[in-house]
All heavy atoms as atom14 arrays in JSON, in Angstrom:
{
  "sequence": "KVLVAADLLIGVLITAVSIACLAFPDDTRLVFGLLIASAVSIGICDSF",
  "atom14_mask": [
    [1, 1, 1, 1, 1, 1, 1, 1, 1, 0, 0, 0, 0, 0],
    [1, 1, 1, 1, 1, 1, 1, 0, 0, 0, 0, 0, 0, 0],
    [1, 1, 1, 1, 1, 1, 1, 1, 0, 0, 0, 0, 0, 0],
    [1, 1, 1, 1, 1, 1, 1, 0, 0, 0, 0, 0, 0, 0],
    [1, 1, 1, 1, 1, 0, 0, 0, 0, 0, 0, 0, 0, 0],
    [1, 1, 1, 1, 1, 0, 0, 0, 0, 0, 0, 0, 0, 0],
    [1, 1, 1, 1, 1, 1, 1, 1, 0, 0, 0, 0, 0, 0],
    [1, 1, 1, 1, 1, 1, 1, 1, 0, 0, 0, 0, 0, 0],
    [1, 1, 1, 1, 1, 1, 1, 1, 0, 0, 0, 0, 0, 0],
    [1, 1, 1, 1, 1, 1, 1, 1, 0, 0, 0, 0, 0, 0],
    [1, 1, 1, 1, 0, 0, 0, 0, 0, 0, 0, 0, 0, 0],
    [1, 1, 1, 1, 1, 1, 1, 0, 0, 0, 0, 0, 0, 0],
    [1, 1, 1, 1, 1, 1, 1, 1, 0, 0, 0, 0, 0, 0],
    [1, 1, 1, 1, 1, 1, 1, 1, 0, 0, 0, 0, 0, 0],
    [1, 1, 1, 1, 1, 1, 1, 0, 0, 0, 0, 0, 0, 0],
    [1, 1, 1, 1, 1, 0, 0, 0, 0, 0, 0, 0, 0, 0],
    [1, 1, 1, 1, 1, 1, 1, 0, 0, 0, 0, 0, 0, 0],
    [1, 1, 1, 1, 1, 1, 0, 0, 0, 0, 0, 0, 0, 0],
    [1, 1, 1, 1, 1, 1, 1, 1, 0, 0, 0, 0, 0, 0],
    [1, 1, 1, 1, 1, 0, 0, 0, 0, 0, 0, 0, 0, 0],
    [1, 1, 1, 1, 1, 1, 0, 0, 0, 0, 0, 0, 0, 0],
    [1, 1, 1, 1, 1, 1, 1, 1, 0, 0, 0, 0, 0, 0],
    [1, 1, 1, 1, 1, 0, 0, 0, 0, 0, 0, 0, 0, 0],
    [1, 1, 1, 1, 1, 1, 1, 1, 1, 1, 1, 0, 0, 0],
    [1, 1, 1, 1, 1, 1, 1, 0, 0, 0, 0, 0, 0, 0],
    [1, 1, 1, 1, 1, 1, 1, 1, 0, 0, 0, 0, 0, 0],
    [1, 1, 1, 1, 1, 1, 1, 1, 0, 0, 0, 0, 0, 0],
    [1, 1, 1, 1, 1, 1, 1, 0, 0, 0, 0, 0, 0, 0],
    [1, 1, 1, 1, 1, 1, 1, 1, 1, 1, 1, 0, 0, 0],
    [1, 1, 1, 1, 1, 1, 1, 1, 0, 0, 0, 0, 0, 0],
    [1, 1, 1, 1, 1, 1, 1, 0, 0, 0, 0, 0, 0, 0],
    [1, 1, 1, 1, 1, 1, 1, 1, 1, 1, 1, 0, 0, 0],
    [1, 1, 1, 1, 0, 0, 0, 0, 0, 0, 0, 0, 0, 0],
    [1, 1, 1, 1, 1, 1, 1, 1, 0, 0, 0, 0, 0, 0],
    [1, 1, 1, 1, 1, 1, 1, 1, 0, 0, 0, 0, 0, 0],
    [1, 1, 1, 1, 1, 1, 1, 1, 0, 0, 0, 0, 0, 0],
    [1, 1, 1, 1, 1, 0, 0, 0, 0, 0, 0, 0, 0, 0],
    [1, 1, 1, 1, 1, 1, 0, 0, 0, 0, 0, 0, 0, 0],
    [1, 1, 1, 1, 1, 0, 0, 0, 0, 0, 0, 0, 0, 0],
    [1, 1, 1, 1, 1, 1, 1, 0, 0, 0, 0, 0, 0, 0],
    [1, 1, 1, 1, 1, 1, 0, 0, 0, 0, 0, 0, 0, 0],
    [1, 1, 1, 1, 1, 1, 1, 1, 0, 0, 0, 0, 0, 0],
    [1, 1, 1, 1, 0, 0, 0, 0, 0, 0, 0, 0, 0, 0],
    [1, 1, 1, 1, 1, 1, 1, 1, 0, 0, 0, 0, 0, 0],
    [1, 1, 1, 1, 1, 1, 0, 0, 0, 0, 0, 0, 0, 0],
    [1, 1, 1, 1, 1, 1, 1, 1, 0, 0, 0, 0, 0, 0],
    [1, 1, 1, 1, 1, 1, 0, 0, 0, 0, 0, 0, 0, 0],
    [1, 1, 1, 1, 1, 1, 1, 1, 1, 1, 1, 0, 0, 0]
  ],
  "atom14_positions": [
    [[35.99, 5.87, -1.17], [35.21, 5.92, 0.07], [33.72, 6.13, -0.22], [32.87, 5.56, 0.46], [35.73, 7.01, 1.0], [37.06, 6.7, 1.62], [37.54, 7.81, 2.52], [38.92, 7.49, 3.08], [39.44, 8.6, 3.9], [0.0, 0.0, 0.0], [0.0, 0.0, 0.0], [0.0, 0.0, 0.0], [0.0, 0.0, 0.0], [0.0, 0.0, 0.0]],
    [[33.42, 6.93, -1.22], [32.02, 7.16, -1.61], [31.4, 5.86, -2.09], [30.29, 5.5, -1.68], [31.91, 8.26, -2.69], [30.51, 8.34, -3.27], [32.33, 9.61, -2.13], [0.0, 0.0, 0.0], [0.0, 0.0, 0.0], [0.0, 0.0, 0.0], [0.0, 0.0, 0.0], [0.0, 0.0, 0.0], [0.0, 0.0, 0.0], [0.0, 0.0, 0.0]],
    [[32.11, 5.14, -2.96], [31.59, 3.89, -3.49], [31.35, 2.86, -2.4], [30.3, 2.23, -2.33], [32.54, 3.32, -4.55], [32.77, 4.16, -5.8], [33.8, 3.51, -6.7], [31.48, 4.39, -6.55], [0.0, 0.0, 0.0], [0.0, 0.0, 0.0], [0.0, 0.0, 0.0], [0.0, 0.0, 0.0], [0.0, 0.0, 0.0], [0.0, 0.0, 0.0]],
    [[32.35, 2.69, -1.52], [32.24, 1.71, -0.45], [31.12, 2.09, 0.52], [30.29, 1.25, 0.89], [33.59, 1.55, 0.3], [33.43, 0.69, 1.54], [34.65, 0.97, -0.63], [0.0, 0.0, 0.0], [0.0, 0.0, 0.0], [0.0, 0.0, 0.0], [0.0, 0.0, 0.0], [0.0, 0.0, 0.0], [0.0, 0.0, 0.0], [0.0, 0.0, 0.0]],
    [[31.08, 3.35, 0.92], [30.07, 3.8, 1.88], [28.66, 3.64, 1.31], [27.75, 3.17, 2.01], [30.32, 5.24, 2.29], [0.0, 0.0, 0.0], [0.0, 0.0, 0.0], [0.0, 0.0, 0.0], [0.0, 0.0, 0.0], [0.0, 0.0, 0.0], [0.0, 0.0, 0.0], [0.0, 0.0, 0.0], [0.0, 0.0, 0.0], [0.0, 0.0, 0.0]],
    [[28.47, 4.01, 0.05], [27.14, 3.91, -0.56], [26.69, 2.45, -0.64], [25.56, 2.12, -0.24], [27.15, 4.54, -1.95], [0.0, 0.0, 0.0], [0.0, 0.0, 0.0], [0.0, 0.0, 0.0], [0.0, 0.0, 0.0], [0.0, 0.0, 0.0], [0.0, 0.0, 0.0], [0.0, 0.0, 0.0], [0.0, 0.0, 0.0], [0.0, 0.0, 0.0]],
    [[27.55, 1.58, -1.13], [27.16, 0.17, -1.24], [26.98, -0.47, 0.14], [26.07, -1.29, 0.33], [28.19, -0.62, -2.05], [27.93, -0.53, -3.54], [26.9, 0.04, -3.95], [28.76, -1.05, -4.32], [0.0, 0.0, 0.0], [0.0, 0.0, 0.0], [0.0, 0.0, 0.0], [0.0, 0.0, 0.0], [0.0, 0.0, 0.0], [0.0, 0.0, 0.0]],
    [[27.8, -0.09, 1.1], [27.66, -0.63, 2.45], [26.33, -0.22, 3.07], [25.59, -1.05, 3.61], [28.84, -0.18, 3.32], [28.89, -0.73, 4.73], [29.03, -2.25, 4.71], [30.07, -0.12, 5.48], [0.0, 0.0, 0.0], [0.0, 0.0, 0.0], [0.0, 0.0, 0.0], [0.0, 0.0, 0.0], [0.0, 0.0, 0.0], [0.0, 0.0, 0.0]],
    [[26.0, 1.06, 2.96], [24.74, 1.55, 3.53], [23.54, 0.91, 2.85], [22.6, 0.45, 3.51], [24.67, 3.08, 3.43], [23.4, 3.71, 4.01], [23.24, 3.39, 5.49], [23.41, 5.21, 3.81], [0.0, 0.0, 0.0], [0.0, 0.0, 0.0], [0.0, 0.0, 0.0], [0.0, 0.0, 0.0], [0.0, 0.0, 0.0], [0.0, 0.0, 0.0]],
    [[23.57, 0.84, 1.53], [22.46, 0.22, 0.81], [22.33, -1.26, 1.18], [21.23, -1.76, 1.41], [22.62, 0.4, -0.72], [22.46, 1.88, -1.1], [21.61, -0.46, -1.48], [22.81, 2.19, -2.55], [0.0, 0.0, 0.0], [0.0, 0.0, 0.0], [0.0, 0.0, 0.0], [0.0, 0.0, 0.0], [0.0, 0.0, 0.0], [0.0, 0.0, 0.0]],
    [[23.46, -1.95, 1.28], [23.43, -3.37, 1.66], [22.83, -3.57, 3.03], [22.01, -4.48, 3.24], [0.0, 0.0, 0.0], [0.0, 0.0, 0.0], [0.0, 0.0, 0.0], [0.0, 0.0, 0.0], [0.0, 0.0, 0.0], [0.0, 0.0, 0.0], [0.0, 0.0, 0.0], [0.0, 0.0, 0.0], [0.0, 0.0, 0.0], [0.0, 0.0, 0.0]],
    [[23.21, -2.74, 3.99], [22.66, -2.85, 5.35], [21.16, -2.56, 5.34], [20.37, -3.27, 5.97], [23.42, -1.91, 6.31], [22.71, -1.78, 7.64], [24.85, -2.41, 6.53], [0.0, 0.0, 0.0], [0.0, 0.0, 0.0], [0.0, 0.0, 0.0], [0.0, 0.0, 0.0], [0.0, 0.0, 0.0], [0.0, 0.0, 0.0], [0.0, 0.0, 0.0]],
    [[20.75, -1.52, 4.63], [19.33, -1.16, 4.58], [18.47, -2.25, 3.96], [17.43, -2.62, 4.5], [19.14, 0.15, 3.81], [19.64, 1.42, 4.49], [19.64, 2.58, 3.51], [18.8, 1.73, 5.71], [0.0, 0.0, 0.0], [0.0, 0.0, 0.0], [0.0, 0.0, 0.0], [0.0, 0.0, 0.0], [0.0, 0.0, 0.0], [0.0, 0.0, 0.0]],
    [[18.92, -2.77, 2.82], [18.12, -3.79, 2.14], [18.1, -5.08, 2.95], [17.07, -5.76, 3.02], [18.64, -4.02, 0.71], [18.42, -2.75, -0.13], [17.93, -5.21, 0.05], [19.02, -2.8, -1.51], [0.0, 0.0, 0.0], [0.0, 0.0, 0.0], [0.0, 0.0, 0.0], [0.0, 0.0, 0.0], [0.0, 0.0, 0.0], [0.0, 0.0, 0.0]],
    [[19.21, -5.41, 3.59], [19.23, -6.59, 4.45], [18.29, -6.41, 5.64], [17.58, -7.34, 6.04], [20.67, -6.9, 4.91], [21.5, -7.07, 3.75], [20.73, -8.15, 5.76], [0.0, 0.0, 0.0], [0.0, 0.0, 0.0], [0.0, 0.0, 0.0], [0.0, 0.0, 0.0], [0.0, 0.0, 0.0], [0.0, 0.0, 0.0], [0.0, 0.0, 0.0]],
    [[18.24, -5.21, 6.19], [17.33, -4.92, 7.3], [15.87, -5.05, 6.86], [15.03, -5.58, 7.61], [17.58, -3.52, 7.86], [0.0, 0.0, 0.0], [0.0, 0.0, 0.0], [0.0, 0.0, 0.0], [0.0, 0.0, 0.0], [0.0, 0.0, 0.0], [0.0, 0.0, 0.0], [0.0, 0.0, 0.0], [0.0, 0.0, 0.0], [0.0, 0.0, 0.0]],
    [[15.56, -4.61, 5.66], [14.2, -4.77, 5.13], [13.87, -6.26, 5.01], [12.77, -6.7, 5.38], [14.03, -4.05, 3.77], [12.71, -4.44, 3.1], [14.11, -2.55, 3.95], [0.0, 0.0, 0.0], [0.0, 0.0, 0.0], [0.0, 0.0, 0.0], [0.0, 0.0, 0.0], [0.0, 0.0, 0.0], [0.0, 0.0, 0.0], [0.0, 0.0, 0.0]],
    [[14.82, -7.05, 4.53], [14.61, -8.49, 4.41], [14.34, -9.12, 5.77], [13.41, -9.92, 5.93], [15.84, -9.14, 3.78], [15.75, -10.55, 3.84], [0.0, 0.0, 0.0], [0.0, 0.0, 0.0], [0.0, 0.0, 0.0], [0.0, 0.0, 0.0], [0.0, 0.0, 0.0], [0.0, 0.0, 0.0], [0.0, 0.0, 0.0], [0.0, 0.0, 0.0]],
    [[15.15, -8.76, 6.76], [14.97, -9.31, 8.1], [13.61, -8.89, 8.67], [12.91, -9.71, 9.28], [16.14, -8.87, 9.01], [17.43, -9.55, 8.55], [15.85, -9.19, 10.47], [18.69, -8.99, 9.17], [0.0, 0.0, 0.0], [0.0, 0.0, 0.0], [0.0, 0.0, 0.0], [0.0, 0.0, 0.0], [0.0, 0.0, 0.0], [0.0, 0.0, 0.0]],
    [[13.22, -7.65, 8.45], [11.91, -7.19, 8.93], [10.78, -7.95, 8.26], [9.8, -8.32, 8.91], [11.75, -5.68, 8.69], [0.0, 0.0, 0.0], [0.0, 0.0, 0.0], [0.0, 0.0, 0.0], [0.0, 0.0, 0.0], [0.0, 0.0, 0.0], [0.0, 0.0, 0.0], [0.0, 0.0, 0.0], [0.0, 0.0, 0.0], [0.0, 0.0, 0.0]],
    [[10.9, -8.2, 6.95], [9.87, -8.95, 6.23], [9.77, -10.38, 6.76], [8.67, -10.93, 6.87], [10.19, -9.0, 4.74], [9.93, -7.46, 3.85], [0.0, 0.0, 0.0], [0.0, 0.0, 0.0], [0.0, 0.0, 0.0], [0.0, 0.0, 0.0], [0.0, 0.0, 0.0], [0.0, 0.0, 0.0], [0.0, 0.0, 0.0], [0.0, 0.0, 0.0]],
    [[10.92, -10.98, 7.08], [10.91, -12.35, 7.59], [10.44, -12.42, 9.05], [9.71, -13.34, 9.43], [12.31, -12.97, 7.47], [12.79, -13.23, 6.04], [14.28, -13.56, 6.02], [11.99, -14.36, 5.41], [0.0, 0.0, 0.0], [0.0, 0.0, 0.0], [0.0, 0.0, 0.0], [0.0, 0.0, 0.0], [0.0, 0.0, 0.0], [0.0, 0.0, 0.0]],
    [[10.86, -11.45, 9.86], [10.54, -11.47, 11.29], [9.12, -10.98, 11.58], [8.48, -11.46, 12.52], [11.54, -10.63, 12.06], [0.0, 0.0, 0.0], [0.0, 0.0, 0.0], [0.0, 0.0, 0.0], [0.0, 0.0, 0.0], [0.0, 0.0, 0.0], [0.0, 0.0, 0.0], [0.0, 0.0, 0.0], [0.0, 0.0, 0.0], [0.0, 0.0, 0.0]],
    [[8.65, -10.03, 10.79], [7.33, -9.43, 11.03], [6.5, -9.42, 9.75], [6.16, -8.35, 9.24], [7.48, -8.01, 11.57], [8.39, -7.89, 12.74], [9.69, -7.4, 12.6], [7.98, -8.28, 14.01], [10.54, -7.28, 13.68], [8.82, -8.18, 15.1], [10.1, -7.68, 14.94], [0.0, 0.0, 0.0], [0.0, 0.0, 0.0], [0.0, 0.0, 0.0]],
    [[6.18, -10.58, 9.22], [5.5, -10.63, 7.91], [4.12, -9.98, 7.89], [3.66, -9.54, 6.84], [5.4, -12.13, 7.61], [5.49, -12.8, 8.94], [6.36, -11.91, 9.79], [0.0, 0.0, 0.0], [0.0, 0.0, 0.0], [0.0, 0.0, 0.0], [0.0, 0.0, 0.0], [0.0, 0.0, 0.0], [0.0, 0.0, 0.0], [0.0, 0.0, 0.0]],
    [[3.49, -9.89, 9.05], [2.14, -9.31, 9.09], [2.13, -7.83, 9.46], [1.07, -7.2, 9.42], [1.28, -10.09, 10.1], [1.09, -11.53, 9.67], [1.03, -11.77, 8.44], [1.01, -12.41, 10.54], [0.0, 0.0, 0.0], [0.0, 0.0, 0.0], [0.0, 0.0, 0.0], [0.0, 0.0, 0.0], [0.0, 0.0, 0.0], [0.0, 0.0, 0.0]],
    [[3.27, -7.27, 9.82], [3.34, -5.86, 10.2], [3.62, -5.01, 8.97], [4.74, -4.57, 8.71], [4.42, -5.66, 11.26], [4.34, -4.29, 11.94], [3.62, -3.41, 11.43], [5.0, -4.12, 12.98], [0.0, 0.0, 0.0], [0.0, 0.0, 0.0], [0.0, 0.0, 0.0], [0.0, 0.0, 0.0], [0.0, 0.0, 0.0], [0.0, 0.0, 0.0]],
    [[2.57, -4.76, 8.2], [2.73, -4.04, 6.93], [3.18, -2.6, 7.14], [3.89, -2.06, 6.3], [1.43, -4.08, 6.1], [0.36, -3.57, 6.9], [1.12, -5.48, 5.64], [0.0, 0.0, 0.0], [0.0, 0.0, 0.0], [0.0, 0.0, 0.0], [0.0, 0.0, 0.0], [0.0, 0.0, 0.0], [0.0, 0.0, 0.0], [0.0, 0.0, 0.0]],
    [[2.78, -1.99, 8.25], [3.21, -0.6, 8.49], [4.72, -0.53, 8.68], [5.37, 0.37, 8.14], [2.51, -0.04, 9.73], [1.03, 0.16, 9.54], [0.43, 0.71, 10.78], [-0.25, 1.94, 10.4], [-0.87, 2.71, 11.23], [-0.88, 2.42, 12.51], [-1.48, 3.78, 10.8], [0.0, 0.0, 0.0], [0.0, 0.0, 0.0], [0.0, 0.0, 0.0]],
    [[5.27, -1.46, 9.43], [6.72, -1.49, 9.66], [7.46, -1.73, 8.35], [8.39, -1.0, 8.01], [7.09, -2.57, 10.68], [8.6, -2.82, 10.85], [9.26, -1.64, 11.52], [8.83, -4.1, 11.62], [0.0, 0.0, 0.0], [0.0, 0.0, 0.0], [0.0, 0.0, 0.0], [0.0, 0.0, 0.0], [0.0, 0.0, 0.0], [0.0, 0.0, 0.0]],
    [[7.03, -2.75, 7.63], [7.71, -3.1, 6.37], [7.59, -1.96, 5.37], [8.58, -1.59, 4.72], [7.16, -4.43, 5.81], [7.71, -4.69, 4.42], [7.49, -5.59, 6.75], [0.0, 0.0, 0.0], [0.0, 0.0, 0.0], [0.0, 0.0, 0.0], [0.0, 0.0, 0.0], [0.0, 0.0, 0.0], [0.0, 0.0, 0.0], [0.0, 0.0, 0.0]],
    [[6.4, -1.38, 5.24], [6.21, -0.27, 4.3], [7.06, 0.93, 4.71], [7.7, 1.56, 3.86], [4.73, 0.12, 4.23], [4.46, 1.2, 3.22], [4.51, 0.93, 1.87], [4.18, 2.5, 3.64], [4.27, 1.93, 0.93], [3.94, 3.51, 2.71], [3.98, 3.22, 1.36], [0.0, 0.0, 0.0], [0.0, 0.0, 0.0], [0.0, 0.0, 0.0]],
    [[7.09, 1.24, 5.99], [7.93, 2.35, 6.48], [9.4, 2.12, 6.18], [10.1, 3.04, 5.75], [0.0, 0.0, 0.0], [0.0, 0.0, 0.0], [0.0, 0.0, 0.0], [0.0, 0.0, 0.0], [0.0, 0.0, 0.0], [0.0, 0.0, 0.0], [0.0, 0.0, 0.0], [0.0, 0.0, 0.0], [0.0, 0.0, 0.0], [0.0, 0.0, 0.0]],
    [[9.86, 0.89, 6.42], [11.27, 0.57, 6.11], [11.54, 0.66, 4.61], [12.61, 1.11, 4.2], [11.62, -0.82, 6.62], [11.96, -0.94, 8.09], [12.12, -2.4, 8.49], [13.23, -0.17, 8.42], [0.0, 0.0, 0.0], [0.0, 0.0, 0.0], [0.0, 0.0, 0.0], [0.0, 0.0, 0.0], [0.0, 0.0, 0.0], [0.0, 0.0, 0.0]],
    [[10.59, 0.21, 3.8], [10.78, 0.29, 2.35], [10.91, 1.73, 1.88], [11.79, 2.06, 1.08], [9.6, -0.39, 1.63], [9.63, -1.89, 1.56], [8.32, -2.43, 1.01], [10.8, -2.38, 0.74], [0.0, 0.0, 0.0], [0.0, 0.0, 0.0], [0.0, 0.0, 0.0], [0.0, 0.0, 0.0], [0.0, 0.0, 0.0], [0.0, 0.0, 0.0]],
    [[10.05, 2.61, 2.38], [10.1, 4.01, 1.98], [11.4, 4.67, 2.49], [12.09, 5.37, 1.73], [8.86, 4.78, 2.47], [7.6, 4.23, 1.81], [9.0, 6.28, 2.23], [7.59, 4.33, 0.3], [0.0, 0.0, 0.0], [0.0, 0.0, 0.0], [0.0, 0.0, 0.0], [0.0, 0.0, 0.0], [0.0, 0.0, 0.0], [0.0, 0.0, 0.0]],
    [[11.73, 4.43, 3.76], [12.96, 5.01, 4.31], [14.19, 4.5, 3.56], [15.12, 5.26, 3.26], [13.07, 4.68, 5.8], [0.0, 0.0, 0.0], [0.0, 0.0, 0.0], [0.0, 0.0, 0.0], [0.0, 0.0, 0.0], [0.0, 0.0, 0.0], [0.0, 0.0, 0.0], [0.0, 0.0, 0.0], [0.0, 0.0, 0.0], [0.0, 0.0, 0.0]],
    [[14.17, 3.22, 3.22], [15.3, 2.65, 2.46], [15.36, 3.23, 1.06], [16.45, 3.53, 0.56], [15.17, 1.13, 2.39], [15.3, 0.57, 3.66], [0.0, 0.0, 0.0], [0.0, 0.0, 0.0], [0.0, 0.0, 0.0], [0.0, 0.0, 0.0], [0.0, 0.0, 0.0], [0.0, 0.0, 0.0], [0.0, 0.0, 0.0], [0.0, 0.0, 0.0]],
    [[14.22, 3.4, 0.42], [14.2, 3.96, -0.93], [14.77, 5.37, -0.94], [15.57, 5.73, -1.82], [12.79, 3.95, -1.49], [0.0, 0.0, 0.0], [0.0, 0.0, 0.0], [0.0, 0.0, 0.0], [0.0, 0.0, 0.0], [0.0, 0.0, 0.0], [0.0, 0.0, 0.0], [0.0, 0.0, 0.0], [0.0, 0.0, 0.0], [0.0, 0.0, 0.0]],
    [[14.39, 6.19, 0.04], [14.93, 7.55, 0.13], [16.44, 7.5, 0.36], [17.21, 8.21, -0.3], [14.22, 8.35, 1.25], [14.92, 9.67, 1.52], [12.76, 8.59, 0.88], [0.0, 0.0, 0.0], [0.0, 0.0, 0.0], [0.0, 0.0, 0.0], [0.0, 0.0, 0.0], [0.0, 0.0, 0.0], [0.0, 0.0, 0.0], [0.0, 0.0, 0.0]],
    [[16.87, 6.64, 1.27], [18.3, 6.52, 1.57], [19.08, 6.01, 0.36], [20.2, 6.48, 0.09], [18.52, 5.57, 2.76], [17.88, 6.07, 3.9], [0.0, 0.0, 0.0], [0.0, 0.0, 0.0], [0.0, 0.0, 0.0], [0.0, 0.0, 0.0], [0.0, 0.0, 0.0], [0.0, 0.0, 0.0], [0.0, 0.0, 0.0], [0.0, 0.0, 0.0]],
    [[18.5, 5.07, -0.37], [19.16, 4.56, -1.58], [19.28, 5.67, -2.62], [20.3, 5.79, -3.29], [18.4, 3.33, -2.12], [18.61, 2.15, -1.17], [18.84, 2.99, -3.54], [17.69, 0.97, -1.42], [0.0, 0.0, 0.0], [0.0, 0.0, 0.0], [0.0, 0.0, 0.0], [0.0, 0.0, 0.0], [0.0, 0.0, 0.0], [0.0, 0.0, 0.0]],
    [[18.25, 6.49, -2.76], [18.32, 7.62, -3.68], [19.43, 8.58, -3.32], [20.15, 9.09, -4.18], [0.0, 0.0, 0.0], [0.0, 0.0, 0.0], [0.0, 0.0, 0.0], [0.0, 0.0, 0.0], [0.0, 0.0, 0.0], [0.0, 0.0, 0.0], [0.0, 0.0, 0.0], [0.0, 0.0, 0.0], [0.0, 0.0, 0.0], [0.0, 0.0, 0.0]],
    [[19.58, 8.83, -2.02], [20.67, 9.71, -1.55], [22.02, 9.07, -1.88], [22.92, 9.74, -2.41], [20.53, 9.99, -0.04], [19.28, 10.84, 0.21], [21.79, 10.67, 0.51], [18.89, 10.95, 1.68], [0.0, 0.0, 0.0], [0.0, 0.0, 0.0], [0.0, 0.0, 0.0], [0.0, 0.0, 0.0], [0.0, 0.0, 0.0], [0.0, 0.0, 0.0]],
    [[22.16, 7.78, -1.58], [23.43, 7.09, -1.87], [23.72, 7.1, -3.37], [24.86, 7.35, -3.78], [23.37, 5.65, -1.36], [23.43, 5.5, 0.43], [0.0, 0.0, 0.0], [0.0, 0.0, 0.0], [0.0, 0.0, 0.0], [0.0, 0.0, 0.0], [0.0, 0.0, 0.0], [0.0, 0.0, 0.0], [0.0, 0.0, 0.0], [0.0, 0.0, 0.0]],
    [[22.7, 6.83, -4.19], [22.9, 6.82, -5.64], [23.31, 8.18, -6.18], [24.05, 8.27, -7.16], [21.63, 6.34, -6.36], [21.46, 4.84, -6.31], [22.41, 4.12, -5.91], [20.35, 4.36, -6.65], [0.0, 0.0, 0.0], [0.0, 0.0, 0.0], [0.0, 0.0, 0.0], [0.0, 0.0, 0.0], [0.0, 0.0, 0.0], [0.0, 0.0, 0.0]],
    [[22.82, 9.25, -5.54], [23.17, 10.59, -6.02], [24.66, 10.86, -5.87], [25.21, 11.71, -6.57], [22.35, 11.66, -5.3], [22.79, 11.84, -3.98], [0.0, 0.0, 0.0], [0.0, 0.0, 0.0], [0.0, 0.0, 0.0], [0.0, 0.0, 0.0], [0.0, 0.0, 0.0], [0.0, 0.0, 0.0], [0.0, 0.0, 0.0], [0.0, 0.0, 0.0]],
    [[25.33, 10.14, -4.98], [26.78, 10.28, -4.82], [27.53, 9.15, -5.55], [28.6, 9.37, -6.1], [27.16, 10.28, -3.33], [26.67, 11.52, -2.63], [25.46, 11.51, -1.95], [27.38, 12.7, -2.68], [24.98, 12.65, -1.33], [26.92, 13.85, -2.07], [25.71, 13.82, -1.38], [0.0, 0.0, 0.0], [0.0, 0.0, 0.0], [0.0, 0.0, 0.0]]
  ]
}
């Protein structure tokens, strides 16, 4: 469950960053915020 949940959450987060980059290419604040939030979340997932 830990493995599946971590990979699922990371996959959703990174896919969301991709969609944000494609949908809002000029909104650097949004993309940067999502990148930082995703990086923190990925670190949490990796710790488990």
